[in-house]
Amino acid sequence: MQRRTAAVTTVSLFLLLLLGLYQLASSRQYQLFGELIARVETEQPLIALTFDDGPSERYTAEVVELLARYQVPATFFVTGHELARHPEQGRLLVQAGHQLGNHSYTHKRMLLVSPATVASEVERTDQQIRQAGFTDEILFRPPYGKKLFTLPWYLSQQQRKTIMWDLEPESEPKLAADPQALAAAVIADARPGSIILLHVMYQSRQSSREALPLIIEGLQAKGYRFVTVSELLQSRNLQ
């Protein structure tokens, strides 16, 4: 009986450990090393619009044209693999005045991986971003928002910022399928300093592309001004 109790206790502790590690890896507010930012504390009516993945040959120009119509700068967290496949789309983003961020090279979950793997994923993407013509600080966003030990440690050694988000409407299936509902959720939940996460680079994200002008118009009507993530971070020094 004692052995069975001990075994159950061991298994329970192991499961609790796994749960704790999963929560740590997924947390938007905390990581073991380095600076993590999900939202900026500011009294100014500023908000950052961010897009993950891509660039894509089919949708990049469409998104750039829409943002230009509203004179909205955005931050695109691109993957090195897609940027290498579509370098002209990366240059288009930079020439249009948008910020490029690093979203890894292959978009793999970088949890239990070696330092060499992390370095390769980050540095190869940095190289593609520089080749696209982006010259400012390169911020990093973990694929799937997952990070644990090696990735945060590597970024901290490089004094790199980890950028998360506080608004992710696509995570709710009902919202993701309805452009009107998706936009309404963002407009209702946005606060000064919010970072919005959207995906617009693939065919499956038609609802997000349709919601984009609604989000922009709704937030501008509330007095918000769109800025890049780096500009949002700079507002912390202007309080």
C-alpha atoms as a PDB file:
ATOM      1  CA  MET A   1       0.000   0.000   0.000  1.00  0.00           C
ATOM      2  CA  GLN A   2       2.798   2.398   0.891  1.00  0.00           C
ATOM      3  CA  ARG A   3       4.565   1.639  -2.387  1.00  0.00           C
ATOM      4  CA  ARG A   4       1.370   2.303  -4.325  1.00  0.00           C
ATOM      5  CA  THR A   5       0.840   5.586  -2.476  1.00  0.00           C
ATOM      6  CA  ALA A   6       4.430   6.610  -3.147  1.00  0.00           C
ATOM      7  CA  ALA A   7       4.061   5.755  -6.822  1.00  0.00           C
ATOM      8  CA  VAL A   8       0.856   7.788  -7.084  1.00  0.00           C
ATOM      9  CA  THR A   9       2.547  10.700  -5.347  1.00  0.00           C
ATOM     10  CA  THR A  10       5.518  10.525  -7.713  1.00  0.00           C
ATOM     11  CA  VAL A  11       3.282  10.469 -10.773  1.00  0.00           C
ATOM     12  CA  SER A  12       1.214  13.352  -9.412  1.00  0.00           C
ATOM     13  CA  LEU A  13       4.311  15.443  -8.776  1.00  0.00           C
ATOM     14  CA  PHE A  14       5.616  14.651 -12.250  1.00  0.00           C
ATOM     15  CA  LEU A  15       2.324  15.702 -13.838  1.00  0.00           C
ATOM     16  CA  LEU A  16       2.316  18.901 -11.798  1.00  0.00           C
ATOM     17  CA  LEU A  17       5.857  19.588 -12.978  1.00  0.00           C
ATOM     18  CA  LEU A  18       4.832  19.084 -16.606  1.00  0.00           C
ATOM     19  CA  LEU A  19       1.836  21.360 -16.117  1.00  0.00           C
ATOM     20  CA  GLY A  20       4.025  24.019 -14.564  1.00  0.00           C
ATOM     21  CA  LEU A  21       6.532  23.822 -17.421  1.00  0.00           C
ATOM     22  CA  TYR A  22       3.734  24.064 -19.982  1.00  0.00           C
ATOM     23  CA  GLN A  23       2.298  27.134 -18.274  1.00  0.00           C
ATOM     24  CA  LEU A  24       5.748  28.700 -18.087  1.00  0.00           C
ATOM     25  CA  ALA A  25       6.401  27.978 -21.760  1.00  0.00           C
ATOM     26  CA  SER A  26       3.045  29.519 -22.752  1.00  0.00           C
ATOM     27  CA  SER A  27       3.020  32.506 -20.408  1.00  0.00           C
ATOM     28  CA  ARG A  28       2.629  35.912 -22.028  1.00  0.00           C
ATOM     29  CA  GLN A  29       3.736  37.682 -18.867  1.00  0.00           C
ATOM     30  CA  TYR A  30       6.827  35.843 -17.637  1.00  0.00           C
ATOM     31  CA  GLN A  31       9.916  34.005 -18.770  1.00  0.00           C
ATOM     32  CA  LEU A  32      13.021  32.901 -16.907  1.00  0.00           C
ATOM     33  CA  PHE A  33      15.502  35.137 -18.738  1.00  0.00           C
ATOM     34  CA  GLY A  34      15.422  38.446 -20.541  1.00  0.00           C
ATOM     35  CA  GLU A  35      12.725  40.997 -21.259  1.00  0.00           C
ATOM     36  CA  LEU A  36       9.236  39.863 -22.257  1.00  0.00           C
ATOM     37  CA  ILE A  37       6.600  42.364 -23.400  1.00  0.00           C
ATOM     38  CA  ALA A  38       2.930  41.631 -24.030  1.00  0.00           C
ATOM     39  CA  ARG A  39       1.639  45.172 -23.604  1.00  0.00           C
ATOM     40  CA  VAL A  40       3.199  48.549 -22.893  1.00  0.00           C
ATOM     41  CA  GLU A  41       2.049  50.643 -19.955  1.00  0.00           C
ATOM     42  CA  THR A  42       1.312  54.038 -21.468  1.00  0.00           C
ATOM     43  CA  GLU A  43      -1.301  56.732 -21.055  1.00  0.00           C
ATOM     44  CA  GLN A  44      -1.021  57.688 -24.696  1.00  0.00           C
ATOM     45  CA  PRO A  45      -3.691  56.301 -27.085  1.00  0.00           C
ATOM     46  CA  LEU A  46      -1.183  54.154 -28.954  1.00  0.00           C
ATOM     47  CA  ILE A  47      -1.657  50.624 -30.226  1.00  0.00           C
ATOM     48  CA  ALA A  48       0.506  48.211 -32.223  1.00  0.00           C
ATOM     49  CA  LEU A  49      -0.835  46.025 -34.992  1.00  0.00           C
ATOM     50  CA  THR A  50       1.284  42.906 -35.526  1.00  0.00           C
ATOM     51  CA  PHE A  51       1.116  40.075 -38.052  1.00  0.00           C
ATOM     52  CA  ASP A  52       2.770  36.674 -37.729  1.00  0.00           C
ATOM     53  CA  ASP A  53       4.146  34.451 -40.504  1.00  0.00           C
ATOM     54  CA  GLY A  54       4.856  35.105 -44.146  1.00  0.00           C
ATOM     55  CA  PRO A  55       5.522  37.087 -46.162  1.00  0.00           C
ATOM     56  CA  SER A  56       3.437  35.416 -48.828  1.00  0.00           C
ATOM     57  CA  GLU A  57       3.498  36.007 -52.536  1.00  0.00           C
ATOM     58  CA  ARG A  58      -0.280  36.197 -52.787  1.00  0.00           C
ATOM     59  CA  TYR A  59      -1.361  38.406 -49.864  1.00  0.00           C
ATOM     60  CA  THR A  60       1.529  40.691 -48.885  1.00  0.00           C
ATOM     61  CA  ALA A  61       0.768  43.383 -51.467  1.00  0.00           C
ATOM     62  CA  GLU A  62      -2.939  43.313 -50.587  1.00  0.00           C
ATOM     63  CA  VAL A  63      -2.222  43.895 -46.908  1.00  0.00           C
ATOM     64  CA  VAL A  64       0.350  46.612 -47.644  1.00  0.00           C
ATOM     65  CA  GLU A  65      -2.132  48.420 -49.884  1.00  0.00           C
ATOM     66  CA  LEU A  66      -4.831  48.292 -47.212  1.00  0.00           C
ATOM     67  CA  LEU A  67      -2.494  49.632 -44.515  1.00  0.00           C
ATOM     68  CA  ALA A  68      -1.348  52.410 -46.829  1.00  0.00           C
ATOM     69  CA  ARG A  69      -4.959  53.428 -47.402  1.00  0.00           C
ATOM     70  CA  TYR A  70      -5.307  54.122 -43.690  1.00  0.00           C
ATOM     71  CA  GLN A  71      -1.711  55.300 -43.217  1.00  0.00           C
ATOM     72  CA  VAL A  72      -1.124  52.604 -40.609  1.00  0.00           C
ATOM     73  CA  PRO A  73       2.364  51.249 -39.853  1.00  0.00           C
ATOM     74  CA  ALA A  74       2.531  47.662 -38.615  1.00  0.00           C
ATOM     75  CA  THR A  75       5.043  45.123 -37.372  1.00  0.00           C
ATOM     76  CA  PHE A  76       5.402  41.903 -39.366  1.00  0.00           C
ATOM     77  CA  PHE A  77       6.996  38.984 -37.514  1.00  0.00           C
ATOM     78  CA  VAL A  78       8.234  37.019 -40.513  1.00  0.00           C
ATOM     79  CA  THR A  79       9.804  33.586 -40.799  1.00  0.00           C
ATOM     80  CA  GLY A  80      13.221  33.297 -42.379  1.00  0.00           C
ATOM     81  CA  HIS A  81      12.107  30.446 -44.643  1.00  0.00           C
ATOM     82  CA  GLU A  82       9.217  32.426 -46.137  1.00  0.00           C
ATOM     83  CA  LEU A  83      11.330  35.553 -46.425  1.00  0.00           C
ATOM     84  CA  ALA A  84      14.013  33.621 -48.297  1.00  0.00           C
ATOM     85  CA  ARG A  85      11.336  32.281 -50.675  1.00  0.00           C
ATOM     86  CA  HIS A  86       9.769  35.713 -51.231  1.00  0.00           C
ATOM     87  CA  PRO A  87      12.507  38.329 -50.761  1.00  0.00           C
ATOM     88  CA  GLU A  88      10.686  40.845 -52.947  1.00  0.00           C
ATOM     89  CA  GLN A  89       7.731  40.750 -50.538  1.00  0.00           C
ATOM     90  CA  GLY A  90      10.043  41.475 -47.632  1.00  0.00           C
ATOM     91  CA  ARG A  91      11.492  44.447 -49.454  1.00  0.00           C
ATOM     92  CA  LEU A  92       7.953  45.642 -50.180  1.00  0.00           C
ATOM     93  CA  LEU A  93       7.150  45.634 -46.457  1.00  0.00           C
ATOM     94  CA  VAL A  94      10.295  47.595 -45.615  1.00  0.00           C
ATOM     95  CA  GLN A  95       9.821  50.100 -48.434  1.00  0.00           C
ATOM     96  CA  ALA A  96       6.260  50.693 -47.253  1.00  0.00           C
ATOM     97  CA  GLY A  97       7.609  51.729 -43.852  1.00  0.00           C
ATOM     98  CA  HIS A  98       6.694  48.673 -41.822  1.00  0.00           C
ATOM     99  CA  GLN A  99       8.786  46.986 -39.160  1.00  0.00           C
ATOM    100  CA  LEU A 100      10.140  43.470 -39.627  1.00  0.00           C
ATOM    101  CA  GLY A 101      10.462  41.203 -36.614  1.00  0.00           C
ATOM    102  CA  ASN A 102      11.986  37.743 -36.271  1.00  0.00           C
ATOM    103  CA  HIS A 103       9.575  34.789 -35.954  1.00  0.00           C
ATOM    104  CA  SER A 104      12.266  32.087 -36.338  1.00  0.00           C
ATOM    105  CA  TYR A 105      13.381  30.424 -39.549  1.00  0.00           C
ATOM    106  CA  THR A 106      11.228  27.272 -39.680  1.00  0.00           C
ATOM    107  CA  HIS A 107       8.453  28.183 -37.212  1.00  0.00           C
ATOM    108  CA  LYS A 108       9.199  25.226 -34.979  1.00  0.00           C
ATOM    109  CA  ARG A 109       8.384  25.147 -31.274  1.00  0.00           C
ATOM    110  CA  MET A 110      11.664  26.007 -29.596  1.00  0.00           C
ATOM    111  CA  LEU A 111      11.167  24.382 -26.216  1.00  0.00           C
ATOM    112  CA  LEU A 112      13.555  21.490 -25.566  1.00  0.00           C
ATOM    113  CA  VAL A 113      16.085  22.388 -28.218  1.00  0.00           C
ATOM    114  CA  SER A 114      19.828  22.992 -28.195  1.00  0.00           C
ATOM    115  CA  PRO A 115      21.467  26.427 -28.067  1.00  0.00           C
ATOM    116  CA  ALA A 116      22.828  25.756 -31.555  1.00  0.00           C
ATOM    117  CA  THR A 117      19.308  25.200 -32.882  1.00  0.00           C
ATOM    118  CA  VAL A 118      18.060  28.424 -31.332  1.00  0.00           C
ATOM    119  CA  ALA A 119      21.021  30.379 -32.691  1.00  0.00           C
ATOM    120  CA  SER A 120      20.465  28.976 -36.176  1.00  0.00           C
ATOM    121  CA  GLU A 121      16.732  29.750 -36.157  1.00  0.00           C
ATOM    122  CA  VAL A 122      17.258  33.314 -34.993  1.00  0.00           C
ATOM    123  CA  GLU A 123      20.410  34.282 -36.848  1.00  0.00           C
ATOM    124  CA  ARG A 124      19.414  32.914 -40.248  1.00  0.00           C
ATOM    125  CA  THR A 125      16.189  34.906 -40.028  1.00  0.00           C
ATOM    126  CA  ASP A 126      18.063  38.029 -38.937  1.00  0.00           C
ATOM    127  CA  GLN A 127      20.187  37.671 -42.055  1.00  0.00           C
ATOM    128  CA  GLN A 128      17.124  37.504 -44.307  1.00  0.00           C
ATOM    129  CA  ILE A 129      15.590  40.529 -42.577  1.00  0.00           C
ATOM    130  CA  ARG A 130      18.757  42.559 -43.133  1.00  0.00           C
ATOM    131  CA  GLN A 131      18.855  41.501 -46.768  1.00  0.00           C
ATOM    132  CA  ALA A 132      15.301  42.820 -47.123  1.00  0.00           C
ATOM    133  CA  GLY A 133      16.647  46.237 -46.171  1.00  0.00           C
ATOM    134  CA  PHE A 134      15.461  46.537 -42.567  1.00  0.00           C
ATOM    135  CA  THR A 135      18.131  48.322 -40.524  1.00  0.00           C
ATOM    136  CA  ASP A 136      16.553  48.948 -37.096  1.00  0.00           C
ATOM    137  CA  GLU A 137      16.427  46.741 -34.002  1.00  0.00           C
ATOM    138  CA  ILE A 138      15.059  43.266 -34.748  1.00  0.00           C
ATOM    139  CA  LEU A 139      12.525  42.166 -32.163  1.00  0.00           C
ATOM    140  CA  PHE A 140      11.690  38.480 -31.675  1.00  0.00           C
ATOM    141  CA  ARG A 141       8.383  36.645 -31.281  1.00  0.00           C
ATOM    142  CA  PRO A 142       8.443  32.917 -30.424  1.00  0.00           C
ATOM    143  CA  PRO A 143       6.618  30.568 -32.786  1.00  0.00           C
ATOM    144  CA  TYR A 144       3.248  29.652 -31.234  1.00  0.00           C
ATOM    145  CA  GLY A 145       4.236  31.934 -28.364  1.00  0.00           C
ATOM    146  CA  LYS A 146       6.189  29.046 -26.803  1.00  0.00           C
ATOM    147  CA  LYS A 147       9.463  29.553 -24.958  1.00  0.00           C
ATOM    148  CA  LEU A 148      11.069  27.799 -22.019  1.00  0.00           C
ATOM    149  CA  PHE A 149      14.775  27.724 -21.155  1.00  0.00           C
ATOM    150  CA  THR A 150      17.153  27.877 -24.105  1.00  0.00           C
ATOM    151  CA  LEU A 151      15.349  30.455 -26.229  1.00  0.00           C
ATOM    152  CA  PRO A 152      14.890  33.108 -23.503  1.00  0.00           C
ATOM    153  CA  TRP A 153      18.450  32.532 -22.308  1.00  0.00           C
ATOM    154  CA  TYR A 154      19.855  33.005 -25.824  1.00  0.00           C
ATOM    155  CA  LEU A 155      17.820  36.162 -26.392  1.00  0.00           C
ATOM    156  CA  SER A 156      18.851  37.589 -23.027  1.00  0.00           C
ATOM    157  CA  GLN A 157      22.517  37.017 -23.872  1.00  0.00           C
ATOM    158  CA  GLN A 158      21.947  38.992 -27.066  1.00  0.00           C
ATOM    159  CA  GLN A 159      19.929  41.651 -25.214  1.00  0.00           C
ATOM    160  CA  ARG A 160      16.993  40.879 -27.452  1.00  0.00           C
ATOM    161  CA  LYS A 161      13.378  41.588 -26.504  1.00  0.00           C
ATOM    162  CA  THR A 162      10.687  38.888 -26.614  1.00  0.00           C
ATOM    163  CA  ILE A 163       7.440  40.352 -27.950  1.00  0.00           C
ATOM    164  CA  MET A 164       4.151  38.668 -27.108  1.00  0.00           C
ATOM    165  CA  TRP A 165       0.651  40.202 -27.280  1.00  0.00           C
ATOM    166  CA  ASP A 166      -2.427  40.949 -25.194  1.00  0.00           C
ATOM    167  CA  LEU A 167      -5.076  40.726 -27.927  1.00  0.00           C
ATOM    168  CA  GLU A 168      -5.426  37.506 -29.932  1.00  0.00           C
ATOM    169  CA  PRO A 169      -9.001  37.326 -31.269  1.00  0.00           C
ATOM    170  CA  GLU A 170      -8.250  34.482 -33.684  1.00  0.00           C
ATOM    171  CA  SER A 171      -7.740  32.105 -30.744  1.00  0.00           C
ATOM    172  CA  GLU A 172     -11.541  31.996 -30.364  1.00  0.00           C
ATOM    173  CA  PRO A 173     -12.953  29.868 -33.225  1.00  0.00           C
ATOM    174  CA  LYS A 174     -16.267  31.730 -33.303  1.00  0.00           C
ATOM    175  CA  LEU A 175     -14.484  35.053 -33.611  1.00  0.00           C
ATOM    176  CA  ALA A 176     -11.935  33.779 -36.119  1.00  0.00           C
ATOM    177  CA  ALA A 177     -14.703  32.772 -38.521  1.00  0.00           C
ATOM    178  CA  ASP A 178     -16.634  36.060 -38.335  1.00  0.00           C
ATOM    179  CA  PRO A 179     -14.912  39.289 -39.444  1.00  0.00           C
ATOM    180  CA  GLN A 180     -17.496  41.497 -37.753  1.00  0.00           C
ATOM    181  CA  ALA A 181     -17.254  39.660 -34.432  1.00  0.00           C
ATOM    182  CA  LEU A 182     -13.458  39.509 -34.623  1.00  0.00           C
ATOM    183  CA  ALA A 183     -13.190  43.250 -35.173  1.00  0.00           C
ATOM    184  CA  ALA A 184     -15.750  44.023 -32.473  1.00  0.00           C
ATOM    185  CA  ALA A 185     -13.791  41.969 -29.923  1.00  0.00           C
ATOM    186  CA  VAL A 186     -10.553  43.818 -30.656  1.00  0.00           C
ATOM    187  CA  ILE A 187     -12.212  47.232 -30.528  1.00  0.00           C
ATOM    188  CA  ALA A 188     -13.927  46.418 -27.230  1.00  0.00           C
ATOM    189  CA  ASP A 189     -10.841  44.972 -25.511  1.00  0.00           C
ATOM    190  CA  ALA A 190      -8.128  47.322 -26.762  1.00  0.00           C
ATOM    191  CA  ARG A 191      -6.317  49.521 -24.235  1.00  0.00           C
ATOM    192  CA  PRO A 192      -3.536  52.076 -24.606  1.00  0.00           C
ATOM    193  CA  GLY A 193      -0.355  50.118 -25.225  1.00  0.00           C
ATOM    194  CA  SER A 194      -2.080  46.982 -26.521  1.00  0.00           C
ATOM    195  CA  ILE A 195      -0.344  44.682 -28.993  1.00  0.00           C
ATOM    196  CA  ILE A 196      -2.729  42.992 -31.430  1.00  0.00           C
ATOM    197  CA  LEU A 197      -1.821  39.636 -32.997  1.00  0.00           C
ATOM    198  CA  LEU A 198      -3.338  38.659 -36.352  1.00  0.00           C
ATOM    199  CA  HIS A 199      -2.483  36.250 -39.174  1.00  0.00           C
ATOM    200  CA  VAL A 200      -3.255  37.492 -42.681  1.00  0.00           C
ATOM    201  CA  MET A 201      -0.722  35.846 -44.973  1.00  0.00           C
ATOM    202  CA  TYR A 202      -2.546  32.651 -45.941  1.00  0.00           C
ATOM    203  CA  GLN A 203      -5.737  31.740 -47.750  1.00  0.00           C
ATOM    204  CA  SER A 204      -7.280  30.311 -44.588  1.00  0.00           C
ATOM    205  CA  ARG A 205      -7.161  33.756 -42.957  1.00  0.00           C
ATOM    206  CA  GLN A 206      -9.711  35.492 -45.173  1.00  0.00           C
ATOM    207  CA  SER A 207     -11.816  36.467 -42.138  1.00  0.00           C
ATOM    208  CA  SER A 208      -8.853  38.221 -40.556  1.00  0.00           C
ATOM    209  CA  ARG A 209      -8.136  40.154 -43.744  1.00  0.00           C
ATOM    210  CA  GLU A 210     -11.788  41.218 -43.946  1.00  0.00           C
ATOM    211  CA  ALA A 211     -11.720  42.252 -40.283  1.00  0.00           C
ATOM    212  CA  LEU A 212      -8.593  44.364 -40.669  1.00  0.00           C
ATOM    213  CA  PRO A 213     -10.208  47.548 -42.081  1.00  0.00           C
ATOM    214  CA  LEU A 214     -12.992  47.262 -39.508  1.00  0.00           C
ATOM    215  CA  ILE A 215     -10.432  47.055 -36.699  1.00  0.00           C
ATOM    216  CA  ILE A 216      -8.497  50.036 -38.005  1.00  0.00           C
ATOM    217  CA  GLU A 217     -11.559  52.209 -38.536  1.00  0.00           C
ATOM    218  CA  GLY A 218     -13.047  51.259 -35.166  1.00  0.00           C
ATOM    219  CA  LEU A 219      -9.909  51.984 -33.179  1.00  0.00           C
ATOM    220  CA  GLN A 220      -9.164  55.199 -35.045  1.00  0.00           C
ATOM    221  CA  ALA A 221     -12.719  56.343 -34.281  1.00  0.00           C
ATOM    222  CA  LYS A 222     -11.922  55.805 -30.581  1.00  0.00           C
ATOM    223  CA  GLY A 223      -8.868  58.043 -30.893  1.00  0.00           C
ATOM    224  CA  TYR A 224      -6.150  55.401 -31.145  1.00  0.00           C
ATOM    225  CA  ARG A 225      -3.035  55.925 -33.229  1.00  0.00           C
ATOM    226  CA  PHE A 226      -1.281  52.912 -34.723  1.00  0.00           C
ATOM    227  CA  VAL A 227       2.483  52.599 -34.273  1.00  0.00           C
ATOM    228  CA  THR A 228       5.100  49.901 -34.735  1.00  0.00           C
ATOM    229  CA  VAL A 229       6.095  47.824 -31.731  1.00  0.00           C
ATOM    230  CA  SER A 230       9.394  49.674 -31.452  1.00  0.00           C
ATOM    231  CA  GLU A 231       7.575  53.012 -31.448  1.00  0.00           C
ATOM    232  CA  LEU A 232       5.238  51.653 -28.777  1.00  0.00           C
ATOM    233  CA  LEU A 233       8.227  50.652 -26.651  1.00  0.00           C
ATOM    234  CA  GLN A 234       9.701  54.115 -27.039  1.00  0.00           C
ATOM    235  CA  SER A 235       6.530  55.624 -25.590  1.00  0.00           C
ATOM    236  CA  ARG A 236       7.520  54.138 -22.211  1.00  0.00           C
ATOM    237  CA  ASN A 237      10.247  56.755 -22.001  1.00  0.00           C
ATOM    238  CA  LEU A 238       7.861  59.618 -22.690  1.00  0.00           C
ATOM    239  CA  GLN A 239       5.568  59.209 -19.695  1.00  0.00           C
END
